[in-house]
Structures are given as structure tokens and as C-alpha cells.
Amino acid sequence: MKYIPVDDRISTTTAAIVIGKSESWVRWALQDHLVPFGESVRCRQRNGKLSHRYSYYINKYRLAEYASLPVKEIERVNREVKAERRKKRQQALARKDA
């Protein structure tokens, strides 16, 4: 399996913004294999039993085709989402330290 650098991964938040649906809808659609742009895998616990958590993979090229947008637009939205998430995390850490 090919390793995908963290900066290149497309989040479910990005996919939701791009296609105009909620993030929970995107996760649900990936879990039920209703959309062609990604996959979901149910995680396992350390004891080998299936967890209630999922891991998601979203292909930016298929997402761009599905949303009829250029790949550069998907990448731009993804950068903005990650920057906003980073900013919120830093603010939370600053409040915790204060």
C-alpha cells in the first residue's frame, strides 16, 4: 500500500464543503459505498474485535471529477480547512496554558 503524506490527504470536511453536503453525510456515504471518490475501513481494536471507528480515504482526482471542479480547487479548499483546524488547535492550546 502506498503511503500518502499527511498534507496530501483529503479530509471528510473538505469533501463535504466541495460537494455541498454535511460531513456526516460524506462519512455515511463512504461507509455504504455510495460515492465513487473514496473508501472507508472499519478499524479494529487491539483485541482484534471490530471497533465503532472508521478510517477514510478520499481520492482528490475522483472527488474533483464527482464535483466537476479542478483538482487545484480541491487542494485549495483542503489547505484552507487544514489551516483553520490548525488555528483552532493552537487557540485551544493557548487557552489551556493560560
N, C-alpha and C. Protein backbone atom coordinates (compact mmCIF):
# COMPACT_ATOMS: atom_id res chain seq x y z
N MET A 1 0.85 -1.18 0.00
CA MET A 1 0.00 0.00 0.00
C MET A 1 0.89 1.24 0.00
N LYS A 2 0.54 2.19 -0.80
CA LYS A 2 1.32 3.42 -0.93
C LYS A 2 1.02 4.37 0.24
N TYR A 3 2.09 4.94 0.82
CA TYR A 3 1.93 5.91 1.90
C TYR A 3 1.55 7.26 1.31
N ILE A 4 0.55 7.91 1.89
CA ILE A 4 0.10 9.23 1.44
C ILE A 4 0.50 10.25 2.49
N PRO A 5 1.36 11.22 2.13
CA PRO A 5 1.76 12.23 3.12
C PRO A 5 0.54 12.95 3.70
N VAL A 6 0.65 13.34 4.96
CA VAL A 6 -0.47 13.97 5.67
C VAL A 6 -0.99 15.20 4.92
N ASP A 7 -0.10 15.98 4.34
CA ASP A 7 -0.53 17.20 3.64
C ASP A 7 -1.35 16.91 2.40
N ASP A 8 -1.23 15.71 1.83
CA ASP A 8 -1.96 15.37 0.62
C ASP A 8 -3.29 14.67 0.89
N ARG A 9 -3.55 14.34 2.13
CA ARG A 9 -4.80 13.64 2.45
C ARG A 9 -5.97 14.60 2.42
N ILE A 10 -7.06 14.13 1.85
CA ILE A 10 -8.28 14.93 1.75
C ILE A 10 -9.19 14.53 2.90
N SER A 11 -9.62 15.50 3.69
CA SER A 11 -10.47 15.21 4.85
C SER A 11 -11.94 15.10 4.43
N THR A 12 -12.72 14.48 5.30
CA THR A 12 -14.16 14.40 5.05
C THR A 12 -14.78 15.80 5.10
N THR A 13 -14.18 16.69 5.87
CA THR A 13 -14.66 18.08 5.94
C THR A 13 -14.50 18.75 4.58
N THR A 14 -13.34 18.56 3.96
CA THR A 14 -13.09 19.13 2.63
C THR A 14 -14.08 18.59 1.62
N ALA A 15 -14.27 17.27 1.63
CA ALA A 15 -15.21 16.66 0.68
C ALA A 15 -16.62 17.21 0.88
N ALA A 16 -17.02 17.40 2.13
CA ALA A 16 -18.36 17.92 2.42
C ALA A 16 -18.52 19.33 1.88
N ILE A 17 -17.51 20.16 2.06
CA ILE A 17 -17.58 21.54 1.56
C ILE A 17 -17.66 21.54 0.04
N VAL A 18 -16.84 20.73 -0.59
CA VAL A 18 -16.76 20.71 -2.05
C VAL A 18 -18.06 20.25 -2.69
N ILE A 19 -18.70 19.21 -2.12
CA ILE A 19 -19.92 18.70 -2.76
C ILE A 19 -21.20 19.28 -2.16
N GLY A 20 -21.06 20.11 -1.12
CA GLY A 20 -22.23 20.79 -0.57
C GLY A 20 -23.11 19.91 0.29
N LYS A 21 -22.52 18.94 0.96
CA LYS A 21 -23.25 18.06 1.87
C LYS A 21 -22.65 18.19 3.26
N SER A 22 -23.26 17.57 4.24
CA SER A 22 -22.71 17.60 5.60
C SER A 22 -21.57 16.59 5.71
N GLU A 23 -20.73 16.82 6.70
CA GLU A 23 -19.61 15.91 6.91
C GLU A 23 -20.10 14.51 7.30
N SER A 24 -21.16 14.45 8.08
CA SER A 24 -21.70 13.14 8.48
C SER A 24 -22.28 12.41 7.26
N TRP A 25 -22.87 13.14 6.31
CA TRP A 25 -23.38 12.51 5.09
C TRP A 25 -22.23 11.90 4.30
N VAL A 26 -21.12 12.62 4.20
CA VAL A 26 -19.96 12.11 3.46
C VAL A 26 -19.45 10.82 4.11
N ARG A 27 -19.32 10.83 5.44
CA ARG A 27 -18.85 9.63 6.15
C ARG A 27 -19.81 8.46 5.92
N TRP A 28 -21.10 8.72 6.05
CA TRP A 28 -22.11 7.69 5.84
C TRP A 28 -22.04 7.13 4.41
N ALA A 29 -21.93 8.02 3.43
CA ALA A 29 -21.88 7.60 2.03
C ALA A 29 -20.63 6.77 1.74
N LEU A 30 -19.51 7.14 2.35
CA LEU A 30 -18.29 6.35 2.18
C LEU A 30 -18.43 4.98 2.84
N GLN A 31 -19.04 4.93 4.02
CA GLN A 31 -19.23 3.65 4.71
C GLN A 31 -20.14 2.72 3.93
N ASP A 32 -21.15 3.27 3.26
CA ASP A 32 -22.10 2.46 2.50
C ASP A 32 -21.73 2.33 1.02
N HIS A 33 -20.56 2.79 0.65
CA HIS A 33 -20.04 2.70 -0.73
C HIS A 33 -20.99 3.34 -1.74
N LEU A 34 -21.54 4.49 -1.39
CA LEU A 34 -22.49 5.17 -2.27
C LEU A 34 -21.86 6.23 -3.16
N VAL A 35 -20.62 6.58 -2.88
CA VAL A 35 -19.92 7.59 -3.68
C VAL A 35 -18.64 6.98 -4.26
N PRO A 36 -18.26 7.41 -5.46
CA PRO A 36 -17.12 6.79 -6.14
C PRO A 36 -15.76 7.39 -5.80
N PHE A 37 -15.69 8.36 -4.90
CA PHE A 37 -14.44 9.07 -4.70
C PHE A 37 -13.62 8.64 -3.50
N GLY A 38 -14.05 7.61 -2.78
CA GLY A 38 -13.28 7.20 -1.62
C GLY A 38 -13.71 5.88 -1.03
N GLU A 39 -13.05 5.53 0.07
CA GLU A 39 -13.30 4.28 0.76
C GLU A 39 -13.31 4.53 2.27
N SER A 40 -13.95 3.64 2.98
CA SER A 40 -13.86 3.65 4.44
C SER A 40 -13.50 2.25 4.90
N VAL A 41 -12.76 2.20 5.99
CA VAL A 41 -12.35 0.92 6.56
C VAL A 41 -12.68 0.96 8.04
N ARG A 42 -13.35 -0.06 8.50
CA ARG A 42 -13.68 -0.14 9.92
C ARG A 42 -12.43 -0.59 10.68
N CYS A 43 -12.08 0.15 11.71
CA CYS A 43 -10.87 -0.13 12.48
C CYS A 43 -11.08 -1.30 13.43
N ARG A 44 -9.98 -1.90 13.82
CA ARG A 44 -10.01 -2.99 14.79
C ARG A 44 -9.40 -2.54 16.11
N GLN A 45 -9.90 -3.08 17.18
CA GLN A 45 -9.33 -2.83 18.50
C GLN A 45 -8.10 -3.72 18.67
N ARG A 46 -7.36 -3.50 19.72
CA ARG A 46 -6.16 -4.30 19.97
C ARG A 46 -6.47 -5.78 20.18
N ASN A 47 -7.66 -6.08 20.68
CA ASN A 47 -8.04 -7.47 20.91
C ASN A 47 -8.54 -8.15 19.64
N GLY A 48 -8.54 -7.42 18.50
CA GLY A 48 -8.95 -8.00 17.23
C GLY A 48 -10.40 -7.80 16.87
N LYS A 49 -11.19 -7.34 17.82
CA LYS A 49 -12.61 -7.11 17.54
C LYS A 49 -12.78 -5.81 16.75
N LEU A 50 -13.85 -5.75 15.97
CA LEU A 50 -14.12 -4.54 15.20
C LEU A 50 -14.53 -3.41 16.13
N SER A 51 -14.02 -2.24 15.83
CA SER A 51 -14.32 -1.04 16.60
C SER A 51 -15.52 -0.34 15.98
N HIS A 52 -15.97 0.72 16.61
CA HIS A 52 -17.03 1.55 16.03
C HIS A 52 -16.43 2.73 15.26
N ARG A 53 -15.12 2.75 15.12
CA ARG A 53 -14.43 3.83 14.43
C ARG A 53 -14.10 3.42 12.99
N TYR A 54 -14.02 4.41 12.12
CA TYR A 54 -13.67 4.18 10.72
C TYR A 54 -12.50 5.06 10.33
N SER A 55 -11.78 4.62 9.34
CA SER A 55 -10.72 5.41 8.73
C SER A 55 -11.17 5.66 7.28
N TYR A 56 -10.92 6.86 6.78
CA TYR A 56 -11.42 7.24 5.46
C TYR A 56 -10.28 7.61 4.51
N TYR A 57 -10.44 7.23 3.25
CA TYR A 57 -9.52 7.63 2.19
C TYR A 57 -10.36 8.29 1.11
N ILE A 58 -9.97 9.50 0.72
CA ILE A 58 -10.69 10.22 -0.35
C ILE A 58 -9.68 10.56 -1.43
N ASN A 59 -9.96 10.11 -2.63
CA ASN A 59 -9.11 10.36 -3.78
C ASN A 59 -9.47 11.73 -4.36
N LYS A 60 -8.49 12.64 -4.36
CA LYS A 60 -8.78 14.02 -4.78
C LYS A 60 -9.14 14.11 -6.26
N TYR A 61 -8.61 13.22 -7.08
CA TYR A 61 -8.92 13.26 -8.51
C TYR A 61 -10.35 12.80 -8.77
N ARG A 62 -10.77 11.74 -8.09
CA ARG A 62 -12.15 11.27 -8.24
C ARG A 62 -13.14 12.26 -7.62
N LEU A 63 -12.74 12.88 -6.50
CA LEU A 63 -13.59 13.90 -5.88
C LEU A 63 -13.76 15.09 -6.83
N ALA A 64 -12.68 15.50 -7.47
CA ALA A 64 -12.75 16.61 -8.42
C ALA A 64 -13.68 16.26 -9.58
N GLU A 65 -13.60 15.04 -10.06
CA GLU A 65 -14.48 14.61 -11.16
C GLU A 65 -15.93 14.56 -10.70
N TYR A 66 -16.17 14.04 -9.50
CA TYR A 66 -17.52 13.94 -8.95
C TYR A 66 -18.14 15.33 -8.76
N ALA A 67 -17.33 16.29 -8.30
CA ALA A 67 -17.82 17.63 -8.02
C ALA A 67 -17.72 18.56 -9.23
N SER A 68 -17.17 18.06 -10.32
CA SER A 68 -16.96 18.86 -11.55
C SER A 68 -16.15 20.12 -11.26
N LEU A 69 -15.07 19.93 -10.51
CA LEU A 69 -14.17 21.03 -10.17
C LEU A 69 -12.74 20.63 -10.53
N PRO A 70 -11.87 21.62 -10.75
CA PRO A 70 -10.46 21.27 -10.99
C PRO A 70 -9.80 20.77 -9.70
N VAL A 71 -8.80 19.92 -9.85
CA VAL A 71 -8.08 19.37 -8.70
C VAL A 71 -7.46 20.49 -7.87
N LYS A 72 -6.99 21.54 -8.52
CA LYS A 72 -6.38 22.67 -7.81
C LYS A 72 -7.38 23.30 -6.82
N GLU A 73 -8.65 23.32 -7.18
CA GLU A 73 -9.67 23.88 -6.29
C GLU A 73 -9.86 22.97 -5.06
N ILE A 74 -9.85 21.67 -5.27
CA ILE A 74 -9.95 20.72 -4.16
C ILE A 74 -8.76 20.92 -3.22
N GLU A 75 -7.57 21.05 -3.78
CA GLU A 75 -6.36 21.24 -2.97
C GLU A 75 -6.41 22.56 -2.20
N ARG A 76 -6.94 23.60 -2.82
CA ARG A 76 -7.05 24.90 -2.16
C ARG A 76 -8.00 24.82 -0.96
N VAL A 77 -9.16 24.21 -1.18
CA VAL A 77 -10.13 24.07 -0.09
C VAL A 77 -9.53 23.23 1.04
N ASN A 78 -8.81 22.18 0.68
CA ASN A 78 -8.20 21.31 1.68
C ASN A 78 -7.16 22.07 2.51
N ARG A 79 -6.37 22.91 1.85
CA ARG A 79 -5.38 23.74 2.58
C ARG A 79 -6.09 24.68 3.56
N GLU A 80 -7.18 25.29 3.11
CA GLU A 80 -7.92 26.21 3.98
C GLU A 80 -8.52 25.48 5.19
N VAL A 81 -9.08 24.31 4.96
CA VAL A 81 -9.67 23.52 6.05
C VAL A 81 -8.59 23.15 7.06
N LYS A 82 -7.44 22.71 6.57
CA LYS A 82 -6.35 22.32 7.47
C LYS A 82 -5.79 23.52 8.22
N ALA A 83 -5.70 24.67 7.57
CA ALA A 83 -5.21 25.88 8.24
C ALA A 83 -6.17 26.30 9.34
N GLU A 84 -7.46 26.23 9.07
CA GLU A 84 -8.47 26.59 10.08
C GLU A 84 -8.41 25.62 11.26
N ARG A 85 -8.26 24.34 10.97
CA ARG A 85 -8.17 23.33 12.03
C ARG A 85 -6.92 23.57 12.89
N ARG A 86 -5.79 23.90 12.24
CA ARG A 86 -4.54 24.18 12.94
C ARG A 86 -4.69 25.40 13.84
N LYS A 87 -5.36 26.44 13.31
CA LYS A 87 -5.58 27.68 14.06
C LYS A 87 -6.43 27.41 15.31
N LYS A 88 -7.49 26.63 15.17
CA LYS A 88 -8.35 26.29 16.30
C LYS A 88 -7.58 25.49 17.35
N ARG A 89 -6.75 24.57 16.89
CA ARG A 89 -5.96 23.76 17.81
C ARG A 89 -4.99 24.63 18.61
N GLN A 90 -4.35 25.58 17.94
CA GLN A 90 -3.42 26.48 18.61
C GLN A 90 -4.15 27.37 19.62
N GLN A 91 -5.34 27.85 19.27
CA GLN A 91 -6.12 28.66 20.19
C GLN A 91 -6.52 27.86 21.42
N ALA A 92 -6.89 26.60 21.22
CA ALA A 92 -7.27 25.75 22.35
C ALA A 92 -6.08 25.50 23.27
N LEU A 93 -4.92 25.29 22.68
CA LEU A 93 -3.71 25.10 23.49
C LEU A 93 -3.35 26.38 24.26
N ALA A 94 -3.53 27.53 23.62
CA ALA A 94 -3.23 28.81 24.28
C ALA A 94 -4.17 29.02 25.47
N ARG A 95 -5.45 28.68 25.32
CA ARG A 95 -6.40 28.82 26.42
C ARG A 95 -6.06 27.84 27.55
N LYS A 96 -5.61 26.66 27.18
CA LYS A 96 -5.26 25.65 28.18
C LYS A 96 -4.05 26.11 29.00
N ASP A 97 -3.08 26.74 28.34
CA ASP A 97 -1.87 27.20 29.01
C ASP A 97 -2.11 28.45 29.85
N ALA A 98 -3.15 29.20 29.52
CA ALA A 98 -3.42 30.47 30.23
C ALA A 98 -4.03 30.28 31.59
